[in-house]
Amino acid sequence: MMEIVSLLCCLLIAIGTLRWFYIKSNKILFYDKCNKKDELLLVSAGSIDKNKRVANVSLLGSITEDIDEYDKLLVDGNSMKEFGIQSGDIVLVDKNYNKEELSAKTNSIIALKIQPKAGRKIEYKLRKFIDYYDLDKESNFKQWFAENHSNLRTDKEAWEDKETGKDKRDNIGHIVGPRLVLSETRINKSWYQKRIVHYSIHSESRILGKVQCKIPRERVYILNKI
């Protein structure tokens, strides 16, 4: 009986290995034959502690839109799914956006530059824009937040810095101004919980641009991420 089980396990491993090589070789052949190949930088929608930076992709079907004027980034993660952006989509980022037209009401999505860190390769992340906080006009962030955004969450869980465990509202003094950006995303606290709202505060200077539109993942063929 044990011999049969061992043989079945070996057979399953062999089939799995052959399938992996078959899929991998087909991906390479497809990518080599495709005329619309590109190497895109990744943009995180979720954890930023990732050791991948770029992806080799090809676009399926004809592209009728004028996309050359935008920066193209491949989405890695699903924290922005509630806002219509999924992992595998290509977002088209307008670096010449009008800063004063960013609005929480219209679900403006922005790409932000990530602070460099050892072992972290990914350079950008996605967030939903909420508002600007002007350091020259306001002196108390919590008071400003209570007066202008009473509809948003105030519990520590929504504001906790994952690296330090501290409340982000108490630690904005180190952020270079004069204007800061309040934004939100979704995070998974555990595998059995649904994604919860999580807020971030960044310098306005870290905004790469506004997401103008996207190429859906159904039209994107990803060969690999490196």
Protein backbone atom coordinates (compact mmCIF):
# COMPACT_ATOMS: atom_id res chain seq x y z
CA MET A 1 0.00 0.00 0.00
CA MET A 2 2.79 2.43 0.92
CA GLU A 3 4.52 1.69 -2.38
CA ILE A 4 1.38 2.67 -4.31
CA VAL A 5 1.02 5.91 -2.36
CA SER A 6 4.69 6.74 -2.99
CA LEU A 7 4.31 6.05 -6.71
CA LEU A 8 1.21 8.25 -6.89
CA CYS A 9 3.02 11.09 -5.12
CA CYS A 10 5.97 10.82 -7.51
CA LEU A 11 3.58 10.79 -10.46
CA LEU A 12 1.79 13.92 -9.23
CA ILE A 13 5.10 15.72 -8.70
CA ALA A 14 6.25 14.73 -12.19
CA ILE A 15 2.98 15.93 -13.77
CA GLY A 16 3.19 19.21 -11.85
CA THR A 17 6.78 19.78 -12.95
CA LEU A 18 5.96 19.05 -16.60
CA ARG A 19 2.95 21.37 -16.44
CA TRP A 20 5.10 24.17 -14.99
CA PHE A 21 7.67 23.82 -17.76
CA TYR A 22 4.94 23.66 -20.40
CA ILE A 23 3.23 26.84 -19.16
CA LYS A 24 6.56 28.63 -18.74
CA SER A 25 7.75 27.73 -22.25
CA ASN A 26 4.42 28.79 -23.77
CA LYS A 27 4.62 32.13 -21.97
CA ILE A 28 8.11 32.72 -23.33
CA LEU A 29 7.08 31.75 -26.88
CA PHE A 30 4.00 33.98 -26.71
CA TYR A 31 6.01 36.90 -25.35
CA ASP A 32 8.73 36.50 -27.99
CA LYS A 33 6.18 36.55 -30.83
CA CYS A 34 4.20 39.50 -29.49
CA ASN A 35 4.90 42.91 -31.04
CA LYS A 36 3.49 44.94 -28.13
CA LYS A 37 6.07 44.05 -25.49
CA ASP A 38 6.98 46.33 -22.63
CA GLU A 39 8.91 46.41 -19.37
CA LEU A 40 6.86 48.23 -16.76
CA LEU A 41 7.62 49.41 -13.26
CA LEU A 42 5.40 47.90 -10.59
CA VAL A 43 3.12 49.97 -8.38
CA SER A 44 2.03 48.42 -5.10
CA ALA A 45 -1.62 48.15 -4.11
CA GLY A 46 -1.00 46.65 -0.69
CA SER A 47 2.22 45.91 1.15
CA ILE A 48 5.23 47.90 -0.05
CA ASP A 49 7.81 45.45 1.30
CA LYS A 50 8.26 43.67 -2.01
CA ASN A 51 11.44 42.49 -3.69
CA LYS A 52 10.15 42.88 -7.25
CA ARG A 53 10.55 46.11 -9.21
CA VAL A 54 9.58 45.56 -12.86
CA ALA A 55 7.53 43.18 -15.00
CA ASN A 56 7.80 42.04 -18.59
CA VAL A 57 4.35 42.26 -20.15
CA SER A 58 2.58 42.22 -23.48
CA LEU A 59 -0.74 43.86 -24.35
CA LEU A 60 -3.47 41.83 -26.00
CA GLY A 61 -5.48 43.42 -28.80
CA SER A 62 -5.09 46.79 -30.43
CA ILE A 63 -4.64 49.96 -28.40
CA THR A 64 -6.74 52.81 -29.77
CA GLU A 65 -6.12 55.19 -26.88
CA ASP A 66 -3.20 57.62 -26.91
CA ILE A 67 -1.24 56.24 -23.95
CA ASP A 68 2.24 57.53 -24.76
CA GLU A 69 1.67 60.72 -22.78
CA TYR A 70 1.23 58.74 -19.55
CA ASP A 71 3.53 56.75 -17.28
CA LYS A 72 2.44 53.09 -17.40
CA LEU A 73 2.66 51.13 -14.14
CA LEU A 74 1.64 47.51 -13.52
CA VAL A 75 -0.50 47.07 -10.40
CA ASP A 76 0.74 44.52 -7.86
CA GLY A 77 -1.85 43.79 -5.18
CA ASN A 78 -5.59 44.21 -4.59
CA SER A 79 -5.86 46.89 -1.89
CA MET A 80 -7.47 49.28 -4.41
CA LYS A 81 -10.07 46.79 -5.64
CA GLU A 82 -12.86 48.82 -4.00
CA PHE A 83 -11.91 51.69 -6.30
CA GLY A 84 -11.95 49.64 -9.51
CA ILE A 85 -8.22 48.81 -9.74
CA GLN A 86 -7.05 45.20 -9.51
CA SER A 87 -3.76 43.37 -9.52
CA GLY A 88 -2.56 42.93 -13.09
CA ASP A 89 -4.16 46.15 -14.38
CA ILE A 90 -1.94 48.75 -16.00
CA VAL A 91 -2.64 52.23 -14.63
CA LEU A 92 -1.89 55.26 -16.80
CA VAL A 93 -0.49 58.01 -14.60
CA ASP A 94 -0.69 61.66 -15.63
CA LYS A 95 2.35 63.50 -14.23
CA ASN A 96 0.98 66.82 -15.51
CA TYR A 97 -2.18 66.60 -13.42
CA ASN A 98 -3.87 69.65 -11.91
CA LYS A 99 -3.10 69.42 -8.19
CA GLU A 100 -6.17 71.41 -7.19
CA GLU A 101 -8.51 69.07 -9.08
CA LEU A 102 -7.70 66.07 -6.92
CA SER A 103 -10.84 65.20 -5.00
CA ALA A 104 -12.09 62.52 -2.65
CA LYS A 105 -15.58 62.93 -4.10
CA THR A 106 -14.44 61.81 -7.54
CA ASN A 107 -12.29 58.99 -6.13
CA SER A 108 -9.05 60.50 -7.43
CA ILE A 109 -6.36 57.82 -7.32
CA ILE A 110 -2.74 58.90 -7.01
CA ALA A 111 0.60 57.15 -7.41
CA LEU A 112 3.08 57.98 -4.66
CA LYS A 113 6.84 57.48 -4.52
CA ILE A 114 7.93 55.02 -1.81
CA GLN A 115 10.70 55.80 0.64
CA PRO A 116 13.78 53.64 -0.16
CA LYS A 117 14.56 50.83 2.27
CA ALA A 118 17.00 47.92 2.29
CA GLY A 119 15.47 44.89 0.59
CA ARG A 120 12.58 46.90 -0.85
CA LYS A 121 12.67 47.22 -4.64
CA ILE A 122 9.22 48.49 -5.53
CA GLU A 123 9.21 52.27 -6.07
CA TYR A 124 5.56 53.34 -6.18
CA LYS A 125 2.24 52.71 -4.45
CA LEU A 126 -1.41 53.59 -5.11
CA ARG A 127 -3.68 55.53 -2.78
CA LYS A 128 -7.09 57.21 -2.92
CA PHE A 129 -6.69 60.96 -2.42
CA ILE A 130 -8.69 62.50 0.43
CA ASP A 131 -7.39 66.02 1.06
CA TYR A 132 -4.45 68.38 1.45
CA TYR A 133 -3.26 69.50 4.87
CA ASP A 134 -1.48 72.85 4.77
CA LEU A 135 1.19 73.15 7.46
CA ASP A 136 1.40 76.92 6.94
CA LYS A 137 -2.30 77.36 7.74
CA GLU A 138 -3.00 74.63 10.28
CA SER A 139 -1.16 73.75 13.49
CA ASN A 140 -3.16 70.84 14.87
CA PHE A 141 -3.78 67.90 12.55
CA LYS A 142 -6.28 66.10 14.78
CA GLN A 143 -8.37 69.23 15.21
CA TRP A 144 -8.29 69.93 11.45
CA PHE A 145 -9.28 66.33 10.75
CA ALA A 146 -12.19 66.44 13.19
CA GLU A 147 -13.49 69.67 11.67
CA ASN A 148 -13.12 68.67 8.02
CA HIS A 149 -13.46 64.88 7.92
CA SER A 150 -15.77 63.82 10.73
CA ASN A 151 -17.16 61.08 8.48
CA LEU A 152 -13.84 59.19 8.42
CA ARG A 153 -12.56 56.64 10.92
CA THR A 154 -10.71 57.85 14.01
CA ASP A 155 -9.72 54.55 15.67
CA LYS A 156 -6.01 53.74 15.98
CA GLU A 157 -6.35 50.63 13.79
CA ALA A 158 -7.02 52.85 10.78
CA TRP A 159 -4.02 55.06 11.57
CA GLU A 160 -1.42 52.62 12.85
CA ASP A 161 2.02 52.78 11.28
CA LYS A 162 2.82 49.17 10.40
CA GLU A 163 6.56 49.68 10.89
CA THR A 164 6.52 51.50 14.23
CA GLY A 165 3.08 50.63 15.61
CA LYS A 166 2.52 54.31 16.42
CA ASP A 167 -0.47 56.46 15.52
CA LYS A 168 0.38 58.38 12.33
CA ARG A 169 -1.58 61.40 13.54
CA ASP A 170 0.94 61.89 16.36
CA ASN A 171 3.98 61.67 14.12
CA ILE A 172 3.70 64.10 11.23
CA GLY A 173 6.41 66.50 12.38
CA HIS A 174 9.09 64.71 10.34
CA ILE A 175 7.15 65.01 7.05
CA VAL A 176 8.51 67.76 4.79
CA GLY A 177 5.84 70.32 3.82
CA PRO A 178 4.43 72.79 3.26
CA ARG A 179 1.45 70.70 2.13
CA LEU A 180 0.76 67.13 3.16
CA VAL A 181 -1.51 64.62 1.45
CA LEU A 182 -4.08 62.58 3.33
CA SER A 183 -4.97 59.38 1.50
CA GLU A 184 -6.47 55.94 2.06
CA THR A 185 -6.14 52.34 0.98
CA ARG A 186 -7.35 48.95 2.24
CA ILE A 187 -5.32 46.40 4.22
CA ASN A 188 -5.86 42.82 5.37
CA LYS A 189 -5.44 42.42 9.13
CA SER A 190 -5.70 38.64 8.83
CA TRP A 191 -6.65 35.99 6.29
CA TYR A 192 -10.19 35.62 7.64
CA GLN A 193 -11.03 39.33 7.87
CA LYS A 194 -12.15 41.56 5.05
CA ARG A 195 -9.98 44.50 4.05
CA ILE A 196 -10.25 47.52 6.34
CA VAL A 197 -9.70 51.23 5.72
CA HIS A 198 -6.19 52.48 6.38
CA TYR A 199 -5.03 56.11 6.18
CA SER A 200 -1.66 57.58 5.21
CA ILE A 201 -0.05 61.02 5.42
CA HIS A 202 2.68 61.97 2.96
CA SER A 203 4.44 65.02 1.62
CA GLU A 204 2.80 66.42 -1.49
CA SER A 205 6.20 66.19 -3.19
CA ARG A 206 5.90 62.37 -3.17
CA ILE A 207 3.00 62.38 -5.63
CA LEU A 208 4.10 60.98 -8.99
CA GLY A 209 0.79 61.78 -10.64
CA LYS A 210 -2.91 61.06 -10.92
CA VAL A 211 -4.26 57.81 -12.34
CA GLN A 212 -6.10 58.93 -15.44
CA CYS A 213 -7.37 55.55 -16.63
CA LYS A 214 -6.32 51.91 -16.82
CA ILE A 215 -5.78 49.01 -19.18
CA PRO A 216 -7.70 46.10 -17.59
CA ARG A 217 -5.79 43.01 -16.60
CA GLU A 218 -7.76 40.91 -19.12
CA ARG A 219 -5.68 42.62 -21.81
CA VAL A 220 -2.37 42.28 -19.99
CA TYR A 221 -0.17 39.19 -20.30
CA ILE A 222 2.52 39.07 -17.59
CA LEU A 223 5.56 36.98 -18.41
CA ASN A 224 7.38 37.56 -15.11
CA LYS A 225 8.19 40.00 -12.33
CA ILE A 226 11.80 40.63 -11.42
